[in-house]
Amino acid sequence: NAYVPADTIIGKNVMMGPEVIIYTSGHKHDRIDIPMGKQGNDQVRPVYIGSDVWIGRRAIIMPGVSIGNGCIIGAAAVVTKDIPDYSVAVGVPAQVVKSRLNNNS
């Protein structure tokens, strides 16, 4: 039940929970004299997901975002900006809470 547009770029060994949504465009809303639903869509901005990434259930990834290699995206997170390699990001909007680098515990 995930929504993954064709213009999404996905690396190797990516795990994705159910109901993940990836957006690569949205609705235009610049004009106030025309209803938003009649203004069309924004230009497509592909999403890039690196290799060895785990995206939790019901996460939402917004247009143009890059998720680096080795990242973990928490369940129900809303990713609105790029996430660096080997980061753990959670929340709304998603924030990096830790790095997986040098985590030899």
N, C-alpha and C. Protein backbone atom coordinates (compact mmCIF):
# COMPACT_ATOMS: atom_id res chain seq x y z
N ASN A 1 0.81 -1.21 0.00
CA ASN A 1 0.00 0.00 0.00
C ASN A 1 0.84 1.27 0.00
N ALA A 2 2.05 1.20 -0.50
CA ALA A 2 2.89 2.40 -0.59
C ALA A 2 2.57 3.15 -1.88
N TYR A 3 2.85 4.45 -1.88
CA TYR A 3 2.71 5.28 -3.09
C TYR A 3 4.10 5.78 -3.45
N VAL A 4 4.64 5.25 -4.55
CA VAL A 4 5.99 5.58 -4.98
C VAL A 4 5.92 5.99 -6.46
N PRO A 5 6.01 7.29 -6.77
CA PRO A 5 5.95 7.73 -8.16
C PRO A 5 7.10 7.17 -8.99
N ALA A 6 6.88 7.04 -10.28
CA ALA A 6 7.87 6.46 -11.19
C ALA A 6 9.17 7.25 -11.23
N ASP A 7 9.13 8.54 -10.94
CA ASP A 7 10.35 9.35 -11.01
C ASP A 7 11.13 9.37 -9.69
N THR A 8 10.83 8.45 -8.79
CA THR A 8 11.60 8.30 -7.55
C THR A 8 12.82 7.43 -7.84
N ILE A 9 13.97 7.86 -7.33
CA ILE A 9 15.22 7.12 -7.54
C ILE A 9 15.54 6.40 -6.24
N ILE A 10 15.61 5.07 -6.30
CA ILE A 10 15.78 4.26 -5.09
C ILE A 10 17.03 3.39 -5.24
N GLY A 11 17.91 3.44 -4.22
CA GLY A 11 19.13 2.64 -4.22
C GLY A 11 18.85 1.17 -3.92
N LYS A 12 19.91 0.46 -3.60
CA LYS A 12 19.82 -0.98 -3.32
C LYS A 12 19.51 -1.23 -1.85
N ASN A 13 18.87 -2.36 -1.60
CA ASN A 13 18.60 -2.83 -0.23
C ASN A 13 17.82 -1.82 0.60
N VAL A 14 16.77 -1.25 0.03
CA VAL A 14 15.92 -0.30 0.74
C VAL A 14 14.71 -1.05 1.30
N MET A 15 14.47 -0.88 2.60
CA MET A 15 13.28 -1.44 3.24
C MET A 15 12.27 -0.31 3.42
N MET A 16 11.02 -0.62 3.10
CA MET A 16 9.98 0.40 3.19
C MET A 16 8.76 -0.23 3.84
N GLY A 17 8.30 0.37 4.93
CA GLY A 17 7.12 -0.14 5.61
C GLY A 17 5.86 0.12 4.80
N PRO A 18 4.75 -0.44 5.24
CA PRO A 18 3.48 -0.22 4.56
C PRO A 18 3.06 1.24 4.63
N GLU A 19 2.31 1.65 3.63
CA GLU A 19 1.65 2.95 3.60
C GLU A 19 2.61 4.14 3.53
N VAL A 20 3.85 3.91 3.08
CA VAL A 20 4.78 5.02 2.85
C VAL A 20 4.27 5.81 1.64
N ILE A 21 4.37 7.13 1.72
CA ILE A 21 3.96 7.99 0.62
C ILE A 21 5.13 8.87 0.22
N ILE A 22 5.42 8.87 -1.08
CA ILE A 22 6.47 9.72 -1.63
C ILE A 22 5.80 10.66 -2.63
N TYR A 23 6.00 11.95 -2.44
CA TYR A 23 5.46 12.94 -3.37
C TYR A 23 6.61 13.53 -4.18
N THR A 24 6.38 13.72 -5.48
CA THR A 24 7.38 14.38 -6.32
C THR A 24 6.85 15.69 -6.91
N SER A 25 5.62 16.03 -6.61
CA SER A 25 5.06 17.33 -6.98
C SER A 25 3.86 17.61 -6.09
N GLY A 26 3.40 18.85 -6.14
CA GLY A 26 2.23 19.24 -5.36
C GLY A 26 1.35 20.16 -6.19
N HIS A 27 0.34 20.72 -5.57
CA HIS A 27 -0.57 21.63 -6.27
C HIS A 27 -0.02 23.05 -6.24
N LYS A 28 -0.20 23.75 -7.34
CA LYS A 28 0.13 25.18 -7.37
C LYS A 28 -0.87 25.91 -6.49
N HIS A 29 -0.42 27.01 -5.89
CA HIS A 29 -1.31 27.78 -5.02
C HIS A 29 -0.93 29.26 -5.01
N ASP A 30 -0.25 29.70 -6.08
CA ASP A 30 0.26 31.07 -6.14
C ASP A 30 -0.84 32.13 -6.29
N ARG A 31 -1.90 31.80 -6.99
CA ARG A 31 -2.93 32.79 -7.29
C ARG A 31 -4.11 32.66 -6.34
N ILE A 32 -4.68 33.79 -5.98
CA ILE A 32 -5.86 33.74 -5.11
C ILE A 32 -7.16 33.98 -5.88
N ASP A 33 -7.02 34.31 -7.19
CA ASP A 33 -8.20 34.53 -8.01
C ASP A 33 -8.69 33.27 -8.72
N ILE A 34 -7.95 32.18 -8.56
CA ILE A 34 -8.30 30.89 -9.16
C ILE A 34 -8.26 29.85 -8.04
N PRO A 35 -9.28 29.00 -7.92
CA PRO A 35 -9.23 27.96 -6.89
C PRO A 35 -7.97 27.10 -7.04
N MET A 36 -7.39 26.71 -5.94
CA MET A 36 -6.15 25.92 -5.96
C MET A 36 -6.29 24.66 -6.79
N GLY A 37 -7.44 24.02 -6.73
CA GLY A 37 -7.66 22.79 -7.47
C GLY A 37 -7.65 22.96 -8.98
N LYS A 38 -7.74 24.20 -9.45
CA LYS A 38 -7.74 24.48 -10.89
C LYS A 38 -6.42 25.08 -11.37
N GLN A 39 -5.43 25.21 -10.48
CA GLN A 39 -4.16 25.83 -10.86
C GLN A 39 -3.14 24.84 -11.38
N GLY A 40 -3.44 23.58 -11.34
CA GLY A 40 -2.51 22.57 -11.85
C GLY A 40 -1.47 22.17 -10.81
N ASN A 41 -0.49 21.41 -11.27
CA ASN A 41 0.54 20.89 -10.37
C ASN A 41 1.85 21.63 -10.56
N ASP A 42 2.66 21.62 -9.51
CA ASP A 42 4.02 22.15 -9.58
C ASP A 42 4.86 21.28 -10.49
N GLN A 43 6.04 21.78 -10.84
CA GLN A 43 7.00 21.00 -11.61
C GLN A 43 7.45 19.80 -10.77
N VAL A 44 7.69 18.68 -11.43
CA VAL A 44 8.15 17.47 -10.75
C VAL A 44 9.55 17.70 -10.18
N ARG A 45 9.71 17.33 -8.91
CA ARG A 45 11.02 17.36 -8.25
C ARG A 45 11.27 15.95 -7.69
N PRO A 46 12.06 15.14 -8.40
CA PRO A 46 12.25 13.75 -8.00
C PRO A 46 12.81 13.61 -6.58
N VAL A 47 12.50 12.50 -5.96
CA VAL A 47 13.02 12.13 -4.65
C VAL A 47 14.12 11.11 -4.87
N TYR A 48 15.23 11.25 -4.14
CA TYR A 48 16.34 10.31 -4.19
C TYR A 48 16.44 9.61 -2.84
N ILE A 49 16.47 8.29 -2.87
CA ILE A 49 16.67 7.49 -1.66
C ILE A 49 17.91 6.64 -1.88
N GLY A 50 18.89 6.79 -1.01
CA GLY A 50 20.15 6.06 -1.13
C GLY A 50 19.98 4.57 -0.86
N SER A 51 21.10 3.89 -0.79
CA SER A 51 21.12 2.44 -0.53
C SER A 51 21.12 2.16 0.97
N ASP A 52 20.65 0.96 1.34
CA ASP A 52 20.62 0.51 2.72
C ASP A 52 19.85 1.48 3.62
N VAL A 53 18.65 1.83 3.18
CA VAL A 53 17.78 2.76 3.91
C VAL A 53 16.57 2.00 4.42
N TRP A 54 16.12 2.37 5.62
CA TRP A 54 14.91 1.79 6.21
C TRP A 54 13.93 2.93 6.44
N ILE A 55 12.77 2.85 5.79
CA ILE A 55 11.73 3.87 5.92
C ILE A 55 10.55 3.24 6.64
N GLY A 56 10.21 3.79 7.79
CA GLY A 56 9.16 3.22 8.63
C GLY A 56 7.75 3.45 8.10
N ARG A 57 6.85 2.71 8.64
CA ARG A 57 5.43 2.73 8.25
C ARG A 57 4.87 4.15 8.27
N ARG A 58 4.10 4.46 7.23
CA ARG A 58 3.36 5.71 7.07
C ARG A 58 4.24 6.96 7.01
N ALA A 59 5.52 6.80 6.75
CA ALA A 59 6.37 7.98 6.55
C ALA A 59 5.94 8.67 5.26
N ILE A 60 6.10 9.98 5.23
CA ILE A 60 5.79 10.78 4.05
C ILE A 60 7.06 11.53 3.66
N ILE A 61 7.40 11.44 2.38
CA ILE A 61 8.59 12.10 1.87
C ILE A 61 8.14 13.12 0.83
N MET A 62 8.52 14.37 1.03
CA MET A 62 8.06 15.47 0.20
C MET A 62 8.93 15.66 -1.05
N PRO A 63 8.43 16.41 -2.06
CA PRO A 63 9.14 16.57 -3.33
C PRO A 63 10.55 17.13 -3.18
N GLY A 64 11.46 16.57 -3.99
CA GLY A 64 12.82 17.09 -4.07
C GLY A 64 13.76 16.68 -2.96
N VAL A 65 13.31 15.85 -2.03
CA VAL A 65 14.13 15.46 -0.88
C VAL A 65 15.10 14.35 -1.27
N SER A 66 16.31 14.41 -0.69
CA SER A 66 17.28 13.33 -0.81
C SER A 66 17.50 12.71 0.55
N ILE A 67 17.43 11.39 0.59
CA ILE A 67 17.71 10.63 1.82
C ILE A 67 18.99 9.87 1.55
N GLY A 68 20.00 10.12 2.36
CA GLY A 68 21.32 9.54 2.14
C GLY A 68 21.40 8.05 2.38
N ASN A 69 22.54 7.48 2.07
CA ASN A 69 22.80 6.06 2.29
C ASN A 69 22.74 5.74 3.78
N GLY A 70 22.24 4.55 4.10
CA GLY A 70 22.27 4.06 5.47
C GLY A 70 21.36 4.75 6.44
N CYS A 71 20.38 5.50 5.98
CA CYS A 71 19.49 6.24 6.87
C CYS A 71 18.35 5.38 7.40
N ILE A 72 17.83 5.81 8.54
CA ILE A 72 16.60 5.25 9.10
C ILE A 72 15.63 6.41 9.25
N ILE A 73 14.44 6.24 8.67
CA ILE A 73 13.38 7.25 8.77
C ILE A 73 12.27 6.63 9.62
N GLY A 74 11.98 7.27 10.74
CA GLY A 74 11.01 6.73 11.68
C GLY A 74 9.60 6.67 11.14
N ALA A 75 8.81 5.78 11.72
CA ALA A 75 7.40 5.64 11.33
C ALA A 75 6.68 6.97 11.48
N ALA A 76 5.85 7.30 10.50
CA ALA A 76 5.01 8.50 10.48
C ALA A 76 5.79 9.80 10.39
N ALA A 77 7.08 9.73 10.12
CA ALA A 77 7.87 10.96 9.94
C ALA A 77 7.44 11.65 8.65
N VAL A 78 7.57 12.97 8.62
CA VAL A 78 7.32 13.74 7.41
C VAL A 78 8.64 14.40 7.03
N VAL A 79 9.26 13.89 5.96
CA VAL A 79 10.59 14.34 5.56
C VAL A 79 10.44 15.50 4.59
N THR A 80 10.84 16.69 5.03
CA THR A 80 10.67 17.91 4.24
C THR A 80 11.99 18.47 3.74
N LYS A 81 13.12 17.92 4.23
CA LYS A 81 14.43 18.40 3.79
C LYS A 81 15.39 17.22 3.71
N ASP A 82 16.53 17.44 3.06
CA ASP A 82 17.51 16.37 2.85
C ASP A 82 18.00 15.79 4.18
N ILE A 83 18.25 14.48 4.18
CA ILE A 83 18.74 13.77 5.35
C ILE A 83 20.13 13.23 5.00
N PRO A 84 21.17 13.61 5.78
CA PRO A 84 22.54 13.17 5.47
C PRO A 84 22.73 11.66 5.64
N ASP A 85 23.75 11.12 4.98
CA ASP A 85 24.10 9.70 5.09
C ASP A 85 24.14 9.25 6.55
N TYR A 86 23.67 8.04 6.80
CA TYR A 86 23.75 7.34 8.09
C TYR A 86 23.10 8.09 9.24
N SER A 87 22.02 8.81 8.93
CA SER A 87 21.29 9.54 9.96
C SER A 87 20.01 8.80 10.33
N VAL A 88 19.56 9.02 11.56
CA VAL A 88 18.26 8.56 12.01
C VAL A 88 17.40 9.82 12.15
N ALA A 89 16.28 9.86 11.42
CA ALA A 89 15.40 11.04 11.43
C ALA A 89 13.99 10.62 11.81
N VAL A 90 13.37 11.40 12.71
CA VAL A 90 12.03 11.10 13.20
C VAL A 90 11.24 12.40 13.35
N GLY A 91 9.92 12.28 13.41
CA GLY A 91 9.07 13.41 13.77
C GLY A 91 8.44 14.12 12.60
N VAL A 92 7.68 15.17 12.97
CA VAL A 92 6.95 16.00 12.01
C VAL A 92 7.26 17.46 12.33
N PRO A 93 8.04 18.13 11.49
CA PRO A 93 8.80 17.58 10.37
C PRO A 93 9.96 16.74 10.89
N ALA A 94 10.45 15.84 10.04
CA ALA A 94 11.52 14.94 10.45
C ALA A 94 12.78 15.73 10.81
N GLN A 95 13.39 15.34 11.92
CA GLN A 95 14.64 15.93 12.38
C GLN A 95 15.64 14.81 12.63
N VAL A 96 16.90 15.07 12.31
CA VAL A 96 17.94 14.09 12.59
C VAL A 96 18.17 14.05 14.10
N VAL A 97 18.05 12.85 14.69
CA VAL A 97 18.24 12.71 16.13
C VAL A 97 19.54 12.01 16.50
N LYS A 98 20.14 11.32 15.51
CA LYS A 98 21.44 10.71 15.76
C LYS A 98 22.06 10.25 14.46
N SER A 99 23.35 9.98 14.54
CA SER A 99 24.09 9.42 13.41
C SER A 99 24.39 7.96 13.69
N ARG A 100 24.39 7.14 12.67
CA ARG A 100 24.74 5.74 12.82
C ARG A 100 26.24 5.52 12.70
N LEU A 101 26.98 6.54 12.33
CA LEU A 101 28.44 6.42 12.21
C LEU A 101 29.06 6.27 13.60
N ASN A 102 30.10 5.50 13.68
CA ASN A 102 30.83 5.27 14.95
C ASN A 102 29.91 4.82 16.07
N ASN A 103 28.91 4.03 15.74
CA ASN A 103 27.97 3.51 16.73
C ASN A 103 28.27 2.01 16.91
N ASN A 104 29.35 1.69 17.57
CA ASN A 104 29.80 0.30 17.71
C ASN A 104 29.37 -0.31 19.03
N SER A 105 28.22 0.07 19.54
CA SER A 105 27.80 -0.48 20.83
C SER A 105 27.20 -1.85 20.71
